[in-house]
Amino acid sequence: MEKRSDTTGALPLSSLRLMASPLQLTYSYIWQVIRQRNVKQYAKVEEFVTMVTQTVPDLISFKQTAQLVLGLRARERQVRRSKR
């Protein structure tokens, strides 16, 4: 049986397999938000990116994660300001 690493917080691959179905549903929802440019739901995209990068730290770099999250926030702010 695989043990969870206490130093990285990453889940073992066997645990990720159990989450495949909910993860696929979430990914599909996030993909629709992005495709439709539904800025109102960008906070959910940010949560998803954060969750995935914490679970699988080597997926994308810290810099890429920061750029993505900051870009989402900037777009949200831009839309809010244009509606004033």
PDB file of N, CA and C in Angstrom:
ATOM      1  N   MET A   1       0.843  -1.184   0.000  1.00  0.00           N
ATOM      2  CA  MET A   1       0.000   0.000   0.000  1.00  0.00           C
ATOM      3  C   MET A   1       0.886   1.245   0.000  1.00  0.00           C
ATOM      4  N   GLU A   2       0.521   2.226  -0.805  1.00  0.00           N
ATOM      5  CA  GLU A   2       1.291   3.461  -0.881  1.00  0.00           C
ATOM      6  C   GLU A   2       1.000   4.332   0.329  1.00  0.00           C
ATOM      7  N   LYS A   3       2.047   4.992   0.821  1.00  0.00           N
ATOM      8  CA  LYS A   3       1.876   5.914   1.942  1.00  0.00           C
ATOM      9  C   LYS A   3       1.854   7.335   1.427  1.00  0.00           C
ATOM     10  N   ARG A   4       1.097   8.155   2.109  1.00  0.00           N
ATOM     11  CA  ARG A   4       1.035   9.579   1.758  1.00  0.00           C
ATOM     12  C   ARG A   4       2.286  10.252   2.287  1.00  0.00           C
ATOM     13  N   SER A   5       2.892  11.081   1.484  1.00  0.00           N
ATOM     14  CA  SER A   5       4.083  11.799   1.882  1.00  0.00           C
ATOM     15  C   SER A   5       3.690  12.975   2.765  1.00  0.00           C
ATOM     16  N   ASP A   6       4.207  12.989   4.002  1.00  0.00           N
ATOM     17  CA  ASP A   6       3.868  14.072   4.920  1.00  0.00           C
ATOM     18  C   ASP A   6       4.575  15.367   4.573  1.00  0.00           C
ATOM     19  N   THR A   7       5.675  15.282   3.841  1.00  0.00           N
ATOM     20  CA  THR A   7       6.432  16.493   3.547  1.00  0.00           C
ATOM     21  C   THR A   7       5.861  17.283   2.377  1.00  0.00           C
ATOM     22  N   THR A   8       5.268  16.609   1.387  1.00  0.00           N
ATOM     23  CA  THR A   8       4.776  17.333   0.217  1.00  0.00           C
ATOM     24  C   THR A   8       3.274  17.537   0.241  1.00  0.00           C
ATOM     25  N   GLY A   9       2.553  16.692   0.937  1.00  0.00           N
ATOM     26  CA  GLY A   9       1.106  16.795   0.960  1.00  0.00           C
ATOM     27  C   GLY A   9       0.450  16.214  -0.284  1.00  0.00           C
ATOM     28  N   ALA A  10       1.242  15.653  -1.196  1.00  0.00           N
ATOM     29  CA  ALA A  10       0.693  15.079  -2.427  1.00  0.00           C
ATOM     30  C   ALA A  10       0.071  13.718  -2.142  1.00  0.00           C
ATOM     31  N   LEU A  11      -0.992  13.413  -2.860  1.00  0.00           N
ATOM     32  CA  LEU A  11      -1.662  12.130  -2.697  1.00  0.00           C
ATOM     33  C   LEU A  11      -0.989  11.073  -3.565  1.00  0.00           C
ATOM     34  N   PRO A  12      -0.985   9.820  -3.118  1.00  0.00           N
ATOM     35  CA  PRO A  12      -0.455   8.746  -3.963  1.00  0.00           C
ATOM     36  C   PRO A  12      -1.369   8.520  -5.163  1.00  0.00           C
ATOM     37  N   LEU A  13      -0.814   7.963  -6.220  1.00  0.00           N
ATOM     38  CA  LEU A  13      -1.556   7.752  -7.457  1.00  0.00           C
ATOM     39  C   LEU A  13      -2.805   6.913  -7.236  1.00  0.00           C
ATOM     40  N   SER A  14      -2.743   5.918  -6.365  1.00  0.00           N
ATOM     41  CA  SER A  14      -3.917   5.074  -6.119  1.00  0.00           C
ATOM     42  C   SER A  14      -5.086   5.887  -5.566  1.00  0.00           C
ATOM     43  N   SER A  15      -4.797   6.887  -4.766  1.00  0.00           N
ATOM     44  CA  SER A  15      -5.863   7.749  -4.242  1.00  0.00           C
ATOM     45  C   SER A  15      -6.455   8.623  -5.339  1.00  0.00           C
ATOM     46  N   LEU A  16      -5.624   9.096  -6.241  1.00  0.00           N
ATOM     47  CA  LEU A  16      -6.107   9.931  -7.336  1.00  0.00           C
ATOM     48  C   LEU A  16      -7.043   9.146  -8.248  1.00  0.00           C
ATOM     49  N   ARG A  17      -6.806   7.855  -8.410  1.00  0.00           N
ATOM     50  CA  ARG A  17      -7.677   7.026  -9.244  1.00  0.00           C
ATOM     51  C   ARG A  17      -9.094   6.970  -8.674  1.00  0.00           C
ATOM     52  N   LEU A  18      -9.220   6.973  -7.350  1.00  0.00           N
ATOM     53  CA  LEU A  18     -10.540   6.934  -6.724  1.00  0.00           C
ATOM     54  C   LEU A  18     -11.319   8.220  -6.980  1.00  0.00           C
ATOM     55  N   MET A  19     -10.612   9.311  -7.199  1.00  0.00           N
ATOM     56  CA  MET A  19     -11.241  10.608  -7.411  1.00  0.00           C
ATOM     57  C   MET A  19     -11.514  10.892  -8.885  1.00  0.00           C
ATOM     58  N   ALA A  20     -11.213   9.969  -9.771  1.00  0.00           N
ATOM     59  CA  ALA A  20     -11.291  10.230 -11.213  1.00  0.00           C
ATOM     60  C   ALA A  20     -12.665  10.729 -11.638  1.00  0.00           C
ATOM     61  N   SER A  21     -13.712  10.098 -11.215  1.00  0.00           N
ATOM     62  CA  SER A  21     -15.023  10.491 -11.668  1.00  0.00           C
ATOM     63  C   SER A  21     -15.409  11.899 -11.196  1.00  0.00           C
ATOM     64  N   PRO A  22     -15.310  12.217  -9.902  1.00  0.00           N
ATOM     65  CA  PRO A  22     -15.609  13.593  -9.486  1.00  0.00           C
ATOM     66  C   PRO A  22     -14.653  14.614 -10.112  1.00  0.00           C
ATOM     67  N   LEU A  23     -13.417  14.206 -10.278  1.00  0.00           N
ATOM     68  CA  LEU A  23     -12.440  15.099 -10.887  1.00  0.00           C
ATOM     69  C   LEU A  23     -12.801  15.378 -12.339  1.00  0.00           C
ATOM     70  N   GLN A  24     -13.242  14.359 -13.060  1.00  0.00           N
ATOM     71  CA  GLN A  24     -13.653  14.553 -14.450  1.00  0.00           C
ATOM     72  C   GLN A  24     -14.869  15.471 -14.543  1.00  0.00           C
ATOM     73  N   LEU A  25     -15.806  15.315 -13.636  1.00  0.00           N
ATOM     74  CA  LEU A  25     -16.985  16.191 -13.633  1.00  0.00           C
ATOM     75  C   LEU A  25     -16.584  17.640 -13.364  1.00  0.00           C
ATOM     76  N   THR A  26     -15.722  17.814 -12.401  1.00  0.00           N
ATOM     77  CA  THR A  26     -15.262  19.164 -12.064  1.00  0.00           C
ATOM     78  C   THR A  26     -14.501  19.777 -13.227  1.00  0.00           C
ATOM     79  N   TYR A  27     -13.622  18.979 -13.828  1.00  0.00           N
ATOM     80  CA  TYR A  27     -12.852  19.462 -14.973  1.00  0.00           C
ATOM     81  C   TYR A  27     -13.788  19.888 -16.110  1.00  0.00           C
ATOM     82  N   SER A  28     -14.815  19.092 -16.370  1.00  0.00           N
ATOM     83  CA  SER A  28     -15.770  19.424 -17.432  1.00  0.00           C
ATOM     84  C   SER A  28     -16.466  20.751 -17.150  1.00  0.00           C
ATOM     85  N   TYR A  29     -16.858  20.950 -15.897  1.00  0.00           N
ATOM     86  CA  TYR A  29     -17.502  22.208 -15.504  1.00  0.00           C
ATOM     87  C   TYR A  29     -16.541  23.380 -15.700  1.00  0.00           C
ATOM     88  N   ILE A  30     -15.310  23.221 -15.239  1.00  0.00           N
ATOM     89  CA  ILE A  30     -14.307  24.285 -15.355  1.00  0.00           C
ATOM     90  C   ILE A  30     -14.040  24.589 -16.825  1.00  0.00           C
ATOM     91  N   TRP A  31     -13.945  23.560 -17.643  1.00  0.00           N
ATOM     92  CA  TRP A  31     -13.703  23.762 -19.065  1.00  0.00           C
ATOM     93  C   TRP A  31     -14.839  24.563 -19.704  1.00  0.00           C
ATOM     94  N   GLN A  32     -16.079  24.272 -19.324  1.00  0.00           N
ATOM     95  CA  GLN A  32     -17.221  25.021 -19.849  1.00  0.00           C
ATOM     96  C   GLN A  32     -17.158  26.490 -19.424  1.00  0.00           C
ATOM     97  N   VAL A  33     -16.780  26.738 -18.187  1.00  0.00           N
ATOM     98  CA  VAL A  33     -16.647  28.119 -17.692  1.00  0.00           C
ATOM     99  C   VAL A  33     -15.636  28.882 -18.540  1.00  0.00           C
ATOM    100  N   ILE A  34     -14.510  28.236 -18.808  1.00  0.00           N
ATOM    101  CA  ILE A  34     -13.457  28.883 -19.590  1.00  0.00           C
ATOM    102  C   ILE A  34     -13.900  29.090 -21.031  1.00  0.00           C
ATOM    103  N   ARG A  35     -14.465  28.072 -21.646  1.00  0.00           N
ATOM    104  CA  ARG A  35     -14.910  28.179 -23.048  1.00  0.00           C
ATOM    105  C   ARG A  35     -15.961  29.264 -23.228  1.00  0.00           C
ATOM    106  N   GLN A  36     -16.866  29.367 -22.256  1.00  0.00           N
ATOM    107  CA  GLN A  36     -17.944  30.350 -22.350  1.00  0.00           C
ATOM    108  C   GLN A  36     -17.524  31.729 -21.819  1.00  0.00           C
ATOM    109  N   ARG A  37     -16.308  31.809 -21.321  1.00  0.00           N
ATOM    110  CA  ARG A  37     -15.776  33.047 -20.722  1.00  0.00           C
ATOM    111  C   ARG A  37     -16.736  33.596 -19.673  1.00  0.00           C
ATOM    112  N   ASN A  38     -17.206  32.685 -18.826  1.00  0.00           N
ATOM    113  CA  ASN A  38     -18.149  33.031 -17.762  1.00  0.00           C
ATOM    114  C   ASN A  38     -17.365  33.588 -16.566  1.00  0.00           C
ATOM    115  N   VAL A  39     -17.066  34.871 -16.635  1.00  0.00           N
ATOM    116  CA  VAL A  39     -16.203  35.517 -15.644  1.00  0.00           C
ATOM    117  C   VAL A  39     -16.781  35.414 -14.235  1.00  0.00           C
ATOM    118  N   LYS A  40     -18.096  35.348 -14.123  1.00  0.00           N
ATOM    119  CA  LYS A  40     -18.727  35.229 -12.806  1.00  0.00           C
ATOM    120  C   LYS A  40     -18.284  33.959 -12.076  1.00  0.00           C
ATOM    121  N   GLN A  41     -17.867  32.945 -12.823  1.00  0.00           N
ATOM    122  CA  GLN A  41     -17.461  31.669 -12.238  1.00  0.00           C
ATOM    123  C   GLN A  41     -15.941  31.491 -12.174  1.00  0.00           C
ATOM    124  N   TYR A  42     -15.176  32.531 -12.475  1.00  0.00           N
ATOM    125  CA  TYR A  42     -13.717  32.416 -12.474  1.00  0.00           C
ATOM    126  C   TYR A  42     -13.157  32.090 -11.088  1.00  0.00           C
ATOM    127  N   ALA A  43     -13.873  32.448 -10.044  1.00  0.00           N
ATOM    128  CA  ALA A  43     -13.418  32.089  -8.695  1.00  0.00           C
ATOM    129  C   ALA A  43     -13.382  30.569  -8.545  1.00  0.00           C
ATOM    130  N   LYS A  44     -14.341  29.880  -9.171  1.00  0.00           N
ATOM    131  CA  LYS A  44     -14.359  28.409  -9.144  1.00  0.00           C
ATOM    132  C   LYS A  44     -13.154  27.851  -9.901  1.00  0.00           C
ATOM    133  N   VAL A  45     -12.790  28.494 -10.995  1.00  0.00           N
ATOM    134  CA  VAL A  45     -11.612  28.064 -11.754  1.00  0.00           C
ATOM    135  C   VAL A  45     -10.368  28.229 -10.890  1.00  0.00           C
ATOM    136  N   GLU A  46     -10.292  29.357 -10.203  1.00  0.00           N
ATOM    137  CA  GLU A  46      -9.157  29.604  -9.314  1.00  0.00           C
ATOM    138  C   GLU A  46      -9.077  28.540  -8.216  1.00  0.00           C
ATOM    139  N   GLU A  47     -10.212  28.204  -7.627  1.00  0.00           N
ATOM    140  CA  GLU A  47     -10.241  27.154  -6.598  1.00  0.00           C
ATOM    141  C   GLU A  47      -9.766  25.821  -7.166  1.00  0.00           C
ATOM    142  N   PHE A  48     -10.213  25.506  -8.372  1.00  0.00           N
ATOM    143  CA  PHE A  48      -9.830  24.248  -9.008  1.00  0.00           C
ATOM    144  C   PHE A  48      -8.330  24.208  -9.270  1.00  0.00           C
ATOM    145  N   VAL A  49      -7.785  25.290  -9.823  1.00  0.00           N
ATOM    146  CA  VAL A  49      -6.348  25.357 -10.105  1.00  0.00           C
ATOM    147  C   VAL A  49      -5.560  25.190  -8.810  1.00  0.00           C
ATOM    148  N   THR A  50      -5.993  25.864  -7.762  1.00  0.00           N
ATOM    149  CA  THR A  50      -5.307  25.766  -6.465  1.00  0.00           C
ATOM    150  C   THR A  50      -5.359  24.341  -5.930  1.00  0.00           C
ATOM    151  N   MET A  51      -6.532  23.719  -5.979  1.00  0.00           N
ATOM    152  CA  MET A  51      -6.683  22.356  -5.478  1.00  0.00           C
ATOM    153  C   MET A  51      -5.803  21.374  -6.254  1.00  0.00           C
ATOM    154  N   VAL A  52      -5.827  21.499  -7.579  1.00  0.00           N
ATOM    155  CA  VAL A  52      -5.051  20.571  -8.407  1.00  0.00           C
ATOM    156  C   VAL A  52      -3.553  20.766  -8.194  1.00  0.00           C
ATOM    157  N   THR A  53      -3.103  22.005  -8.139  1.00  0.00           N
ATOM    158  CA  THR A  53      -1.660  22.231  -7.968  1.00  0.00           C
ATOM    159  C   THR A  53      -1.181  21.863  -6.568  1.00  0.00           C
ATOM    160  N   GLN A  54      -2.050  21.908  -5.574  1.00  0.00           N
ATOM    161  CA  GLN A  54      -1.673  21.438  -4.240  1.00  0.00           C
ATOM    162  C   GLN A  54      -1.629  19.915  -4.196  1.00  0.00           C
ATOM    163  N   THR A  55      -2.510  19.271  -4.948  1.00  0.00           N
ATOM    164  CA  THR A  55      -2.565  17.814  -4.976  1.00  0.00           C
ATOM    165  C   THR A  55      -1.442  17.227  -5.818  1.00  0.00           C
ATOM    166  N   VAL A  56      -1.164  17.867  -6.946  1.00  0.00           N
ATOM    167  CA  VAL A  56      -0.111  17.407  -7.859  1.00  0.00           C
ATOM    168  C   VAL A  56       0.858  18.585  -8.079  1.00  0.00           C
ATOM    169  N   PRO A  57       1.776  18.796  -7.142  1.00  0.00           N
ATOM    170  CA  PRO A  57       2.624  20.005  -7.166  1.00  0.00           C
ATOM    171  C   PRO A  57       3.482  20.170  -8.421  1.00  0.00           C
ATOM    172  N   ASP A  58       3.867  19.086  -9.057  1.00  0.00           N
ATOM    173  CA  ASP A  58       4.753  19.189 -10.226  1.00  0.00           C
ATOM    174  C   ASP A  58       3.996  19.382 -11.538  1.00  0.00           C
ATOM    175  N   LEU A  59       2.687  19.542 -11.479  1.00  0.00           N
ATOM    176  CA  LEU A  59       1.887  19.671 -12.693  1.00  0.00           C
ATOM    177  C   LEU A  59       2.259  20.936 -13.459  1.00  0.00           C
ATOM    178  N   ILE A  60       2.241  22.070 -12.789  1.00  0.00           N
ATOM    179  CA  ILE A  60       2.722  23.325 -13.378  1.00  0.00           C
ATOM    180  C   ILE A  60       3.554  24.038 -12.324  1.00  0.00           C
ATOM    181  N   SER A  61       4.408  24.934 -12.779  1.00  0.00           N
ATOM    182  CA  SER A  61       5.307  25.622 -11.851  1.00  0.00           C
ATOM    183  C   SER A  61       4.543  26.635 -10.992  1.00  0.00           C
ATOM    184  N   PHE A  62       5.176  27.054  -9.920  1.00  0.00           N
ATOM    185  CA  PHE A  62       4.589  28.074  -9.050  1.00  0.00           C
ATOM    186  C   PHE A  62       4.342  29.355  -9.837  1.00  0.00           C
ATOM    187  N   LYS A  63       5.293  29.717 -10.691  1.00  0.00           N
ATOM    188  CA  LYS A  63       5.166  30.936 -11.495  1.00  0.00           C
ATOM    189  C   LYS A  63       3.955  30.843 -12.437  1.00  0.00           C
ATOM    190  N   GLN A  64       3.779  29.694 -13.092  1.00  0.00           N
ATOM    191  CA  GLN A  64       2.637  29.511 -13.993  1.00  0.00           C
ATOM    192  C   GLN A  64       1.318  29.572 -13.227  1.00  0.00           C
ATOM    193  N   THR A  65       1.294  28.961 -12.042  1.00  0.00           N
ATOM    194  CA  THR A  65       0.093  28.995 -11.208  1.00  0.00           C
ATOM    195  C   THR A  65      -0.232  30.431 -10.819  1.00  0.00           C
ATOM    196  N   ALA A  66       0.775  31.166 -10.380  1.00  0.00           N
ATOM    197  CA  ALA A  66       0.574  32.557  -9.973  1.00  0.00           C
ATOM    198  C   ALA A  66       0.071  33.401 -11.140  1.00  0.00           C
ATOM    199  N   GLN A  67       0.657  33.214 -12.323  1.00  0.00           N
ATOM    200  CA  GLN A  67       0.225  33.972 -13.499  1.00  0.00           C
ATOM    201  C   GLN A  67      -1.229  33.666 -13.843  1.00  0.00           C
ATOM    202  N   LEU A  68      -1.594  32.408 -13.773  1.00  0.00           N
ATOM    203  CA  LEU A  68      -2.961  32.007 -14.089  1.00  0.00           C
ATOM    204  C   LEU A  68      -3.952  32.600 -13.097  1.00  0.00           C
ATOM    205  N   VAL A  69      -3.666  32.471 -11.816  1.00  0.00           N
ATOM    206  CA  VAL A  69      -4.564  32.983 -10.776  1.00  0.00           C
ATOM    207  C   VAL A  69      -4.673  34.503 -10.859  1.00  0.00           C
ATOM    208  N   LEU A  70      -3.542  35.176 -11.017  1.00  0.00           N
ATOM    209  CA  LEU A  70      -3.575  36.638 -11.121  1.00  0.00           C
ATOM    210  C   LEU A  70      -4.312  37.099 -12.379  1.00  0.00           C
ATOM    211  N   GLY A  71      -4.160  36.369 -13.469  1.00  0.00           N
ATOM    212  CA  GLY A  71      -4.875  36.688 -14.699  1.00  0.00           C
ATOM    213  C   GLY A  71      -6.383  36.549 -14.533  1.00  0.00           C
ATOM    214  N   LEU A  72      -6.811  35.489 -13.850  1.00  0.00           N
ATOM    215  CA  LEU A  72      -8.237  35.286 -13.587  1.00  0.00           C
ATOM    216  C   LEU A  72      -8.794  36.424 -12.734  1.00  0.00           C
ATOM    217  N   ARG A  73      -8.052  36.776 -11.689  1.00  0.00           N
ATOM    218  CA  ARG A  73      -8.501  37.869 -10.806  1.00  0.00           C
ATOM    219  C   ARG A  73      -8.566  39.196 -11.546  1.00  0.00           C
ATOM    220  N   ALA A  74      -7.560  39.454 -12.393  1.00  0.00           N
ATOM    221  CA  ALA A  74      -7.535  40.714 -13.147  1.00  0.00           C
ATOM    222  C   ALA A  74      -8.734  40.800 -14.097  1.00  0.00           C
ATOM    223  N   ARG A  75      -9.060  39.686 -14.737  1.00  0.00           N
ATOM    224  CA  ARG A  75     -10.212  39.674 -15.653  1.00  0.00           C
ATOM    225  C   ARG A  75     -11.514  39.900 -14.894  1.00  0.00           C
ATOM    226  N   GLU A  76     -11.617  39.294 -13.707  1.00  0.00           N
ATOM    227  CA  GLU A  76     -12.810  39.503 -12.881  1.00  0.00           C
ATOM    228  C   GLU A  76     -12.962  40.980 -12.522  1.00  0.00           C
ATOM    229  N   ARG A  77     -11.866  41.599 -12.090  1.00  0.00           N
ATOM    230  CA  ARG A  77     -11.892  43.009 -11.715  1.00  0.00           C
ATOM    231  C   ARG A  77     -12.252  43.890 -12.900  1.00  0.00           C
ATOM    232  N   GLN A  78     -11.690  43.566 -14.056  1.00  0.00           N
ATOM    233  CA  GLN A  78     -11.955  44.348 -15.264  1.00  0.00           C
ATOM    234  C   GLN A  78     -13.443  44.308 -15.612  1.00  0.00           C
ATOM    235  N   VAL A  79     -14.054  43.169 -15.523  1.00  0.00           N
ATOM    236  CA  VAL A  79     -15.476  43.027 -15.836  1.00  0.00           C
ATOM    237  C   VAL A  79     -16.316  43.773 -14.811  1.00  0.00           C
ATOM    238  N   ARG A  80     -15.953  43.646 -13.524  1.00  0.00           N
ATOM    239  CA  ARG A  80     -16.711  44.364 -12.474  1.00  0.00           C
ATOM    240  C   ARG A  80     -16.656  45.865 -12.694  1.00  0.00           C
ATOM    241  N   ARG A  81     -15.479  46.393 -13.032  1.00  0.00           N
ATOM    242  CA  ARG A  81     -15.341  47.841 -13.243  1.00  0.00           C
ATOM    243  C   ARG A  81     -16.121  48.325 -14.451  1.00  0.00           C
ATOM    244  N   SER A  82     -16.176  47.499 -15.498  1.00  0.00           N
ATOM    245  CA  SER A  82     -16.880  47.926 -16.710  1.00  0.00           C
ATOM    246  C   SER A  82     -18.394  47.954 -16.513  1.00  0.00           C
ATOM    247  N   LYS A  83     -18.882  47.264 -15.501  1.00  0.00           N
ATOM    248  CA  LYS A  83     -20.325  47.236 -15.222  1.00  0.00           C
ATOM    249  C   LYS A  83     -20.772  48.385 -14.342  1.00  0.00           C
ATOM    250  N   ARG A  84     -19.855  49.163 -13.818  1.00  0.00           N
ATOM    251  CA  ARG A  84     -20.201  50.280 -12.943  1.00  0.00           C
ATOM    252  C   ARG A  84     -20.780  51.417 -13.693  1.00  0.00           C
TER     253      ARG A  84
END
